[in-house]
């Protein structure tokens, strides 16, 4: 179960920060900001919406070392072994032909989709985007202030 949010303008932010000075934007900056945003705006809401205690326990923030996005909310099967059912609850487990059990020949039935992840994500999307703007905006402002202080120090040395 994976939902992606595409953030346009990431390259523009990176170019802006790199033009401020000799500071190089690293994946760690993206990871830290995105982890904070996901933790504050999505993880807690997903835990509230989780349909079972196992799924609630298994929802974790996972770091992605080889990715610029840096983090995602995922199901940790080690935390709650029965949490694998999250996929079936989210998307359903319907089958066209009824399958019978081997012993009793009863119909195994189907499970209608009861989405909890997608609706939570959709309801929080605008908040997440605002948080991204604020987080990166704050970071850009901090870097500009730092560059101004460096420039002021150089001017003070010259005078």
Protein backbone atom coordinates (compact mmCIF):
# COMPACT_ATOMS: atom_id res chain seq x y z
CA UNK A 1 0.00 0.00 0.00
CA UNK A 2 1.83 3.05 -1.23
CA UNK A 3 0.62 6.53 -2.04
CA UNK A 4 2.96 9.11 -3.44
CA UNK A 5 2.71 12.86 -3.22
CA UNK A 6 4.60 14.70 -5.91
CA UNK A 7 6.07 17.97 -4.76
CA UNK A 8 6.76 20.25 -7.66
CA UNK A 9 9.29 22.98 -7.16
CA UNK A 10 11.78 20.94 -5.14
CA UNK A 11 14.49 21.70 -7.70
CA UNK A 12 13.65 25.40 -7.47
CA UNK A 13 14.07 25.31 -3.68
CA UNK A 14 17.37 23.50 -4.08
CA UNK A 15 18.62 26.04 -6.66
CA UNK A 16 17.56 28.94 -4.42
CA UNK A 17 19.36 27.53 -1.40
CA UNK A 18 22.47 26.75 -3.41
CA UNK A 19 22.51 30.29 -4.84
CA UNK A 20 22.44 31.81 -1.35
CA UNK A 21 25.96 30.73 -0.73
CA UNK A 22 28.31 27.81 -0.78
CA UNK A 23 25.84 25.72 1.19
CA UNK A 24 24.90 22.48 -0.55
CA UNK A 25 21.41 21.10 -0.03
CA UNK A 26 21.73 17.49 1.03
CA UNK A 27 19.32 14.60 1.24
CA UNK A 28 19.53 14.91 5.03
CA UNK A 29 17.77 18.28 4.86
CA UNK A 30 14.92 16.79 2.86
CA UNK A 31 14.73 13.74 5.13
CA UNK A 32 14.62 15.78 8.32
CA UNK A 33 11.93 18.13 7.03
CA UNK A 34 9.80 15.38 5.52
CA UNK A 35 10.05 13.14 8.59
CA UNK A 36 8.91 15.98 10.79
CA UNK A 37 6.00 16.80 8.47
CA UNK A 38 4.85 13.18 8.17
CA UNK A 39 5.09 12.63 11.91
CA UNK A 40 3.19 15.80 12.77
CA UNK A 41 0.51 15.72 10.08
CA UNK A 42 -0.10 12.17 8.88
CA UNK A 43 1.06 9.49 11.30
CA UNK A 44 -1.09 10.58 14.24
CA UNK A 45 -4.16 10.96 12.02
CA UNK A 46 -3.62 7.50 10.52
CA UNK A 47 -3.33 5.96 13.96
CA UNK A 48 -6.66 7.52 14.92
CA UNK A 49 -8.28 6.18 11.74
CA UNK A 50 -6.76 2.68 12.00
CA UNK A 51 -9.55 0.10 12.06
CA UNK A 52 -7.80 -2.40 14.37
CA UNK A 53 -5.43 -2.13 17.33
CA UNK A 54 -2.85 -4.23 15.44
CA UNK A 55 -2.78 -1.80 12.54
CA UNK A 56 -2.60 1.16 14.91
CA UNK A 57 0.38 -0.43 16.65
CA UNK A 58 2.10 -1.30 13.35
CA UNK A 59 1.91 2.15 11.72
CA UNK A 60 5.44 3.55 11.84
CA UNK A 61 7.51 6.30 10.31
CA UNK A 62 10.17 4.61 8.21
CA UNK A 63 13.38 6.33 7.11
CA UNK A 64 14.48 5.85 3.52
CA UNK A 65 18.23 6.25 3.29
CA UNK A 66 18.58 6.20 -0.50
CA UNK A 67 15.73 8.57 -1.27
CA UNK A 68 15.40 12.34 -1.35
CA UNK A 69 11.95 12.14 0.21
CA UNK A 70 13.55 10.53 3.22
CA UNK A 71 10.58 8.94 4.93
CA UNK A 72 7.23 7.27 4.59
CA UNK A 73 4.49 5.92 6.79
CA UNK A 74 4.39 2.13 6.57
CA UNK A 75 3.14 -0.99 8.30
CA UNK A 76 5.80 -2.61 10.47
CA UNK A 77 4.93 -6.31 10.45
CA UNK A 78 7.36 -6.98 13.29
CA UNK A 79 5.47 -4.62 15.60
CA UNK A 80 2.17 -6.41 15.00
CA UNK A 81 2.26 -9.63 12.97
CA UNK A 82 -1.47 -9.52 12.19
CA UNK A 83 -1.20 -6.06 10.64
CA UNK A 84 -0.83 -7.61 7.18
CA UNK A 85 -4.61 -7.36 6.96
CA UNK A 86 -4.29 -3.59 6.48
CA UNK A 87 -3.96 -4.15 2.74
CA UNK A 88 -7.14 -6.25 2.64
CA UNK A 89 -9.06 -3.72 4.71
CA UNK A 90 -7.89 -0.80 2.56
CA UNK A 91 -8.47 -2.41 -0.84
CA UNK A 92 -10.85 -5.28 -0.11
CA UNK A 93 -10.44 -8.96 -0.86
CA UNK A 94 -13.20 -9.69 -3.32
CA UNK A 95 -12.99 -12.58 -5.70
CA UNK A 96 -15.19 -13.33 -8.68
CA UNK A 97 -15.62 -17.05 -8.09
CA UNK A 98 -16.54 -18.08 -4.55
CA UNK A 99 -13.76 -20.17 -3.03
CA UNK A 100 -14.67 -23.01 -0.75
CA UNK A 101 -12.85 -24.24 2.30
CA UNK A 102 -11.28 -27.68 1.86
CA UNK A 103 -12.98 -29.42 4.74
CA UNK A 104 -16.49 -27.98 4.97
CA UNK A 105 -16.83 -26.66 1.39
CA UNK A 106 -18.25 -23.41 2.78
CA UNK A 107 -17.87 -20.19 0.90
CA UNK A 108 -14.89 -18.24 2.22
CA UNK A 109 -16.62 -14.99 1.34
CA UNK A 110 -15.25 -11.61 0.40
CA UNK A 111 -14.16 -8.48 2.23
CA UNK A 112 -15.39 -5.15 0.96
CA UNK A 113 -12.86 -2.35 0.91
CA UNK A 114 -12.98 -0.16 4.02
CA UNK A 115 -10.36 2.45 3.20
CA UNK A 116 -8.75 4.29 6.07
CA UNK A 117 -5.34 5.29 4.65
CA UNK A 118 -6.46 7.05 1.46
CA UNK A 119 -9.23 9.14 3.08
CA UNK A 120 -6.90 10.19 5.89
CA UNK A 121 -4.18 11.10 3.42
CA UNK A 122 -6.63 13.06 1.25
CA UNK A 123 -8.03 14.94 4.26
CA UNK A 124 -4.52 15.89 5.44
CA UNK A 125 -3.05 16.71 2.02
CA UNK A 126 -3.62 20.48 2.23
CA UNK A 127 -2.18 20.57 5.77
CA UNK A 128 0.84 18.59 4.61
CA UNK A 129 1.42 20.97 1.71
CA UNK A 130 1.16 23.99 4.04
CA UNK A 131 3.62 22.34 6.41
CA UNK A 132 6.02 21.71 3.52
CA UNK A 133 5.81 25.37 2.53
CA UNK A 134 6.39 26.49 6.10
CA UNK A 135 9.20 24.04 6.80
CA UNK A 136 11.15 24.83 3.66
CA UNK A 137 10.27 28.52 3.93
CA UNK A 138 11.68 28.62 7.47
CA UNK A 139 14.77 26.81 6.31
CA UNK A 140 15.29 29.25 3.42
CA UNK A 141 14.82 32.21 5.79
CA UNK A 142 17.36 30.75 8.22
CA UNK A 143 19.89 30.33 5.44
CA UNK A 144 19.31 33.88 4.18
CA UNK A 145 19.75 35.27 7.72
CA UNK A 146 22.94 33.26 8.07
CA UNK A 147 24.27 34.63 4.79
CA UNK A 148 23.37 38.21 5.82
CA UNK A 149 25.25 37.79 9.12
CA UNK A 150 28.29 36.46 7.28
CA UNK A 151 28.18 39.42 4.89
CA UNK A 152 27.80 41.89 7.77
CA UNK A 153 30.84 40.38 9.50
CA UNK A 154 32.89 40.76 6.32
CA UNK A 155 31.78 44.39 6.00
CA UNK A 156 32.68 45.06 9.65
CA UNK A 157 36.16 43.64 9.08
CA UNK A 158 36.65 45.92 6.07
CA UNK A 159 35.63 49.07 7.96
